[in-house]
């Protein structure tokens, strides 16, 4: 396996891990009624996750 293939697999693993972490953070925020901080248009903003966020996160990871 080449170094480039190793990097590609590593990048895919990192992307999957970040997606799982974001999904868990949204779920925890929903359960506790707290906000999450996200980047929107280059700015950090607080958002209250809605039940629809879970469906969007699932669709993105599929």
PDB file of N, CA and C in Angstrom:
ATOM      1  N   UNK A   1       0.855  -1.174   0.000  1.00  0.00           N
ATOM      2  CA  UNK A   1       0.000   0.000   0.000  1.00  0.00           C
ATOM      3  C   UNK A   1       0.901   1.237   0.000  1.00  0.00           C
ATOM      4  N   UNK A   2       0.558   2.211  -0.830  1.00  0.00           N
ATOM      5  CA  UNK A   2       1.379   3.417  -0.946  1.00  0.00           C
ATOM      6  C   UNK A   2       1.054   4.392   0.183  1.00  0.00           C
ATOM      7  N   UNK A   3       1.934   5.360   0.344  1.00  0.00           N
ATOM      8  CA  UNK A   3       1.737   6.385   1.372  1.00  0.00           C
ATOM      9  C   UNK A   3       0.476   7.196   1.080  1.00  0.00           C
ATOM     10  N   UNK A   4       0.205   7.432  -0.206  1.00  0.00           N
ATOM     11  CA  UNK A   4      -0.997   8.191  -0.572  1.00  0.00           C
ATOM     12  C   UNK A   4      -2.260   7.425  -0.201  1.00  0.00           C
ATOM     13  N   UNK A   5      -2.274   6.128  -0.417  1.00  0.00           N
ATOM     14  CA  UNK A   5      -3.429   5.317  -0.039  1.00  0.00           C
ATOM     15  C   UNK A   5      -3.598   5.304   1.472  1.00  0.00           C
ATOM     16  N   UNK A   6      -2.490   5.255   2.205  1.00  0.00           N
ATOM     17  CA  UNK A   6      -2.557   5.307   3.669  1.00  0.00           C
ATOM     18  C   UNK A   6      -3.195   6.608   4.126  1.00  0.00           C
ATOM     19  N   UNK A   7      -2.779   7.728   3.519  1.00  0.00           N
ATOM     20  CA  UNK A   7      -3.331   9.033   3.882  1.00  0.00           C
ATOM     21  C   UNK A   7      -4.820   9.098   3.563  1.00  0.00           C
ATOM     22  N   UNK A   8      -5.227   8.543   2.399  1.00  0.00           N
ATOM     23  CA  UNK A   8      -6.642   8.559   2.024  1.00  0.00           C
ATOM     24  C   UNK A   8      -7.476   7.770   3.025  1.00  0.00           C
ATOM     25  N   UNK A   9      -7.005   6.606   3.412  1.00  0.00           N
ATOM     26  CA  UNK A   9      -7.738   5.797   4.398  1.00  0.00           C
ATOM     27  C   UNK A   9      -7.791   6.510   5.743  1.00  0.00           C
ATOM     28  N   UNK A  10      -6.680   7.130   6.122  1.00  0.00           N
ATOM     29  CA  UNK A  10      -6.630   7.874   7.379  1.00  0.00           C
ATOM     30  C   UNK A  10      -7.632   9.023   7.333  1.00  0.00           C
ATOM     31  N   UNK A  11      -7.669   9.759   6.224  1.00  0.00           N
ATOM     32  CA  UNK A  11      -8.594  10.887   6.084  1.00  0.00           C
ATOM     33  C   UNK A  11     -10.041  10.424   6.167  1.00  0.00           C
ATOM     34  N   UNK A  12     -10.338   9.300   5.557  1.00  0.00           N
ATOM     35  CA  UNK A  12     -11.693   8.769   5.624  1.00  0.00           C
ATOM     36  C   UNK A  12     -12.053   8.395   7.053  1.00  0.00           C
ATOM     37  N   UNK A  13     -11.116   7.840   7.774  1.00  0.00           N
ATOM     38  CA  UNK A  13     -11.353   7.493   9.171  1.00  0.00           C
ATOM     39  C   UNK A  13     -11.589   8.718  10.031  1.00  0.00           C
ATOM     40  N   UNK A  14     -10.814   9.756   9.773  1.00  0.00           N
ATOM     41  CA  UNK A  14     -10.966  11.005  10.523  1.00  0.00           C
ATOM     42  C   UNK A  14     -12.336  11.615  10.244  1.00  0.00           C
ATOM     43  N   UNK A  15     -12.735  11.637   8.977  1.00  0.00           N
ATOM     44  CA  UNK A  15     -14.032  12.202   8.611  1.00  0.00           C
ATOM     45  C   UNK A  15     -15.173  11.433   9.278  1.00  0.00           C
ATOM     46  N   UNK A  16     -15.074  10.127   9.303  1.00  0.00           N
ATOM     47  CA  UNK A  16     -16.109   9.304   9.939  1.00  0.00           C
ATOM     48  C   UNK A  16     -16.166   9.579  11.445  1.00  0.00           C
ATOM     49  N   UNK A  17     -14.998   9.703  12.071  1.00  0.00           N
ATOM     50  CA  UNK A  17     -14.946   9.962  13.510  1.00  0.00           C
ATOM     51  C   UNK A  17     -15.542  11.332  13.842  1.00  0.00           C
ATOM     52  N   UNK A  18     -15.240  12.344  13.030  1.00  0.00           N
ATOM     53  CA  UNK A  18     -15.798  13.674  13.262  1.00  0.00           C
ATOM     54  C   UNK A  18     -17.313  13.674  13.087  1.00  0.00           C
ATOM     55  N   UNK A  19     -17.793  12.926  12.118  1.00  0.00           N
ATOM     56  CA  UNK A  19     -19.235  12.828  11.897  1.00  0.00           C
ATOM     57  C   UNK A  19     -19.926  12.176  13.092  1.00  0.00           C
ATOM     58  N   UNK A  20     -19.327  11.101  13.614  1.00  0.00           N
ATOM     59  CA  UNK A  20     -19.903  10.434  14.797  1.00  0.00           C
ATOM     60  C   UNK A  20     -19.888  11.372  15.998  1.00  0.00           C
ATOM     61  N   UNK A  21     -18.815  12.114  16.176  1.00  0.00           N
ATOM     62  CA  UNK A  21     -18.713  13.032  17.314  1.00  0.00           C
ATOM     63  C   UNK A  21     -19.755  14.145  17.213  1.00  0.00           C
ATOM     64  N   UNK A  22     -19.968  14.668  16.015  1.00  0.00           N
ATOM     65  CA  UNK A  22     -20.970  15.724  15.827  1.00  0.00           C
ATOM     66  C   UNK A  22     -22.364  15.199  16.121  1.00  0.00           C
ATOM     67  N   UNK A  23     -22.637  13.988  15.669  1.00  0.00           N
ATOM     68  CA  UNK A  23     -23.951  13.385  15.915  1.00  0.00           C
ATOM     69  C   UNK A  23     -24.186  13.198  17.409  1.00  0.00           C
ATOM     70  N   UNK A  24     -23.160  12.717  18.116  1.00  0.00           N
ATOM     71  CA  UNK A  24     -23.286  12.523  19.567  1.00  0.00           C
ATOM     72  C   UNK A  24     -23.456  13.853  20.291  1.00  0.00           C
ATOM     73  N   UNK A  25     -22.746  14.890  19.838  1.00  0.00           N
ATOM     74  CA  UNK A  25     -22.857  16.204  20.469  1.00  0.00           C
ATOM     75  C   UNK A  25     -24.259  16.774  20.290  1.00  0.00           C
ATOM     76  N   UNK A  26     -24.822  16.621  19.092  1.00  0.00           N
ATOM     77  CA  UNK A  26     -26.188  17.102  18.852  1.00  0.00           C
ATOM     78  C   UNK A  26     -27.200  16.339  19.708  1.00  0.00           C
ATOM     79  N   UNK A  27     -27.019  15.039  19.796  1.00  0.00           N
ATOM     80  CA  UNK A  27     -27.935  14.222  20.600  1.00  0.00           C
ATOM     81  C   UNK A  27     -27.861  14.624  22.079  1.00  0.00           C
ATOM     82  N   UNK A  28     -26.663  14.807  22.591  1.00  0.00           N
ATOM     83  CA  UNK A  28     -26.498  15.224  23.983  1.00  0.00           C
ATOM     84  C   UNK A  28     -27.116  16.597  24.215  1.00  0.00           C
ATOM     85  N   UNK A  29     -26.920  17.513  23.291  1.00  0.00           N
ATOM     86  CA  UNK A  29     -27.507  18.850  23.419  1.00  0.00           C
ATOM     87  C   UNK A  29     -29.024  18.779  23.418  1.00  0.00           C
ATOM     88  N   UNK A  30     -29.587  17.922  22.555  1.00  0.00           N
ATOM     89  CA  UNK A  30     -31.042  17.752  22.539  1.00  0.00           C
ATOM     90  C   UNK A  30     -31.542  17.213  23.875  1.00  0.00           C
ATOM     91  N   UNK A  31     -30.837  16.214  24.404  1.00  0.00           N
ATOM     92  CA  UNK A  31     -31.252  15.584  25.662  1.00  0.00           C
ATOM     93  C   UNK A  31     -31.172  16.543  26.840  1.00  0.00           C
ATOM     94  N   UNK A  32     -30.190  17.432  26.823  1.00  0.00           N
ATOM     95  CA  UNK A  32     -29.973  18.327  27.956  1.00  0.00           C
ATOM     96  C   UNK A  32     -30.544  19.722  27.742  1.00  0.00           C
ATOM     97  N   UNK A  33     -31.087  19.978  26.535  1.00  0.00           N
ATOM     98  CA  UNK A  33     -31.659  21.291  26.252  1.00  0.00           C
ATOM     99  C   UNK A  33     -30.621  22.391  26.176  1.00  0.00           C
ATOM    100  N   UNK A  34     -29.442  22.047  25.714  1.00  0.00           N
ATOM    101  CA  UNK A  34     -28.369  23.036  25.604  1.00  0.00           C
ATOM    102  C   UNK A  34     -28.044  23.318  24.145  1.00  0.00           C
ATOM    103  N   UNK A  35     -27.253  24.355  23.932  1.00  0.00           N
ATOM    104  CA  UNK A  35     -26.845  24.757  22.588  1.00  0.00           C
ATOM    105  C   UNK A  35     -25.571  24.023  22.173  1.00  0.00           C
ATOM    106  N   UNK A  36     -25.360  24.010  20.874  1.00  0.00           N
ATOM    107  CA  UNK A  36     -24.077  23.580  20.327  1.00  0.00           C
ATOM    108  C   UNK A  36     -23.485  24.787  19.603  1.00  0.00           C
ATOM    109  N   UNK A  37     -22.184  24.805  19.466  1.00  0.00           N
ATOM    110  CA  UNK A  37     -21.519  25.887  18.748  1.00  0.00           C
ATOM    111  C   UNK A  37     -21.063  25.336  17.409  1.00  0.00           C
ATOM    112  N   UNK A  38     -21.459  26.025  16.337  1.00  0.00           N
ATOM    113  CA  UNK A  38     -21.112  25.604  14.985  1.00  0.00           C
ATOM    114  C   UNK A  38     -20.566  26.792  14.205  1.00  0.00           C
ATOM    115  N   UNK A  39     -19.887  26.502  13.107  1.00  0.00           N
ATOM    116  CA  UNK A  39     -19.373  27.546  12.233  1.00  0.00           C
ATOM    117  C   UNK A  39     -20.377  27.760  11.106  1.00  0.00           C
ATOM    118  N   UNK A  40     -20.881  28.971  10.978  1.00  0.00           N
ATOM    119  CA  UNK A  40     -21.805  29.347   9.901  1.00  0.00           C
ATOM    120  C   UNK A  40     -21.263  30.598   9.224  1.00  0.00           C
ATOM    121  N   UNK A  41     -21.016  30.521   7.953  1.00  0.00           N
ATOM    122  CA  UNK A  41     -20.506  31.662   7.184  1.00  0.00           C
ATOM    123  C   UNK A  41     -19.262  32.261   7.838  1.00  0.00           C
ATOM    124  N   UNK A  42     -18.389  31.404   8.327  1.00  0.00           N
ATOM    125  CA  UNK A  42     -17.128  31.857   8.903  1.00  0.00           C
ATOM    126  C   UNK A  42     -17.233  32.419  10.309  1.00  0.00           C
ATOM    127  N   UNK A  43     -18.400  32.296  10.930  1.00  0.00           N
ATOM    128  CA  UNK A  43     -18.596  32.817  12.292  1.00  0.00           C
ATOM    129  C   UNK A  43     -19.073  31.700  13.201  1.00  0.00           C
ATOM    130  N   UNK A  44     -18.650  31.748  14.461  1.00  0.00           N
ATOM    131  CA  UNK A  44     -19.131  30.790  15.451  1.00  0.00           C
ATOM    132  C   UNK A  44     -20.482  31.263  15.968  1.00  0.00           C
ATOM    133  N   UNK A  45     -21.453  30.366  15.925  1.00  0.00           N
ATOM    134  CA  UNK A  45     -22.791  30.693  16.413  1.00  0.00           C
ATOM    135  C   UNK A  45     -23.305  29.556  17.284  1.00  0.00           C
ATOM    136  N   UNK A  46     -24.169  29.899  18.230  1.00  0.00           N
ATOM    137  CA  UNK A  46     -24.800  28.892  19.077  1.00  0.00           C
ATOM    138  C   UNK A  46     -26.129  28.503  18.452  1.00  0.00           C
ATOM    139  N   UNK A  47     -26.412  27.214  18.453  1.00  0.00           N
ATOM    140  CA  UNK A  47     -27.674  26.721  17.925  1.00  0.00           C
ATOM    141  C   UNK A  47     -28.264  25.698  18.878  1.00  0.00           C
ATOM    142  N   UNK A  48     -29.577  25.653  18.908  1.00  0.00           N
ATOM    143  CA  UNK A  48     -30.276  24.592  19.629  1.00  0.00           C
ATOM    144  C   UNK A  48     -30.612  23.540  18.579  1.00  0.00           C
ATOM    145  N   UNK A  49     -30.078  22.334  18.718  1.00  0.00           N
ATOM    146  CA  UNK A  49     -30.364  21.311  17.706  1.00  0.00           C
ATOM    147  C   UNK A  49     -31.837  20.918  17.706  1.00  0.00           C
ATOM    148  N   UNK A  50     -32.371  20.761  16.523  1.00  0.00           N
ATOM    149  CA  UNK A  50     -33.763  20.328  16.389  1.00  0.00           C
ATOM    150  C   UNK A  50     -33.791  18.842  16.092  1.00  0.00           C
ATOM    151  N   UNK A  51     -34.946  18.211  16.236  1.00  0.00           N
ATOM    152  CA  UNK A  51     -35.036  16.781  15.901  1.00  0.00           C
ATOM    153  C   UNK A  51     -34.648  16.507  14.449  1.00  0.00           C
ATOM    154  N   UNK A  52     -34.837  17.475  13.558  1.00  0.00           N
ATOM    155  CA  UNK A  52     -34.474  17.303  12.152  1.00  0.00           C
ATOM    156  C   UNK A  52     -32.968  17.185  11.965  1.00  0.00           C
ATOM    157  N   UNK A  53     -32.168  17.764  12.867  1.00  0.00           N
ATOM    158  CA  UNK A  53     -30.714  17.691  12.752  1.00  0.00           C
ATOM    159  C   UNK A  53     -30.231  16.256  12.740  1.00  0.00           C
ATOM    160  N   UNK A  54     -30.866  15.403  13.507  1.00  0.00           N
ATOM    161  CA  UNK A  54     -30.450  14.006  13.567  1.00  0.00           C
ATOM    162  C   UNK A  54     -30.638  13.356  12.201  1.00  0.00           C
ATOM    163  N   UNK A  55     -31.746  13.639  11.532  1.00  0.00           N
ATOM    164  CA  UNK A  55     -31.997  13.074  10.214  1.00  0.00           C
ATOM    165  C   UNK A  55     -30.971  13.579   9.208  1.00  0.00           C
ATOM    166  N   UNK A  56     -30.602  14.869   9.269  1.00  0.00           N
ATOM    167  CA  UNK A  56     -29.618  15.434   8.356  1.00  0.00           C
ATOM    168  C   UNK A  56     -28.250  14.815   8.586  1.00  0.00           C
ATOM    169  N   UNK A  57     -27.865  14.660   9.841  1.00  0.00           N
ATOM    170  CA  UNK A  57     -26.550  14.080  10.144  1.00  0.00           C
ATOM    171  C   UNK A  57     -26.495  12.635   9.662  1.00  0.00           C
ATOM    172  N   UNK A  58     -27.584  11.911   9.813  1.00  0.00           N
ATOM    173  CA  UNK A  58     -27.631  10.520   9.354  1.00  0.00           C
ATOM    174  C   UNK A  58     -27.530  10.474   7.833  1.00  0.00           C
ATOM    175  N   UNK A  59     -28.213  11.385   7.155  1.00  0.00           N
ATOM    176  CA  UNK A  59     -28.180  11.393   5.694  1.00  0.00           C
ATOM    177  C   UNK A  59     -26.786  11.735   5.188  1.00  0.00           C
ATOM    178  N   UNK A  60     -26.090  12.664   5.864  1.00  0.00           N
ATOM    179  CA  UNK A  60     -24.737  13.041   5.430  1.00  0.00           C
ATOM    180  C   UNK A  60     -23.757  11.906   5.615  1.00  0.00           C
ATOM    181  N   UNK A  61     -23.932  11.109   6.662  1.00  0.00           N
ATOM    182  CA  UNK A  61     -22.970  10.039   6.930  1.00  0.00           C
ATOM    183  C   UNK A  61     -23.229   8.802   6.102  1.00  0.00           C
ATOM    184  N   UNK A  62     -24.381   8.746   5.456  1.00  0.00           N
ATOM    185  CA  UNK A  62     -24.721   7.564   4.635  1.00  0.00           C
ATOM    186  C   UNK A  62     -24.083   7.635   3.269  1.00  0.00           C
TER     187      UNK A  62
END
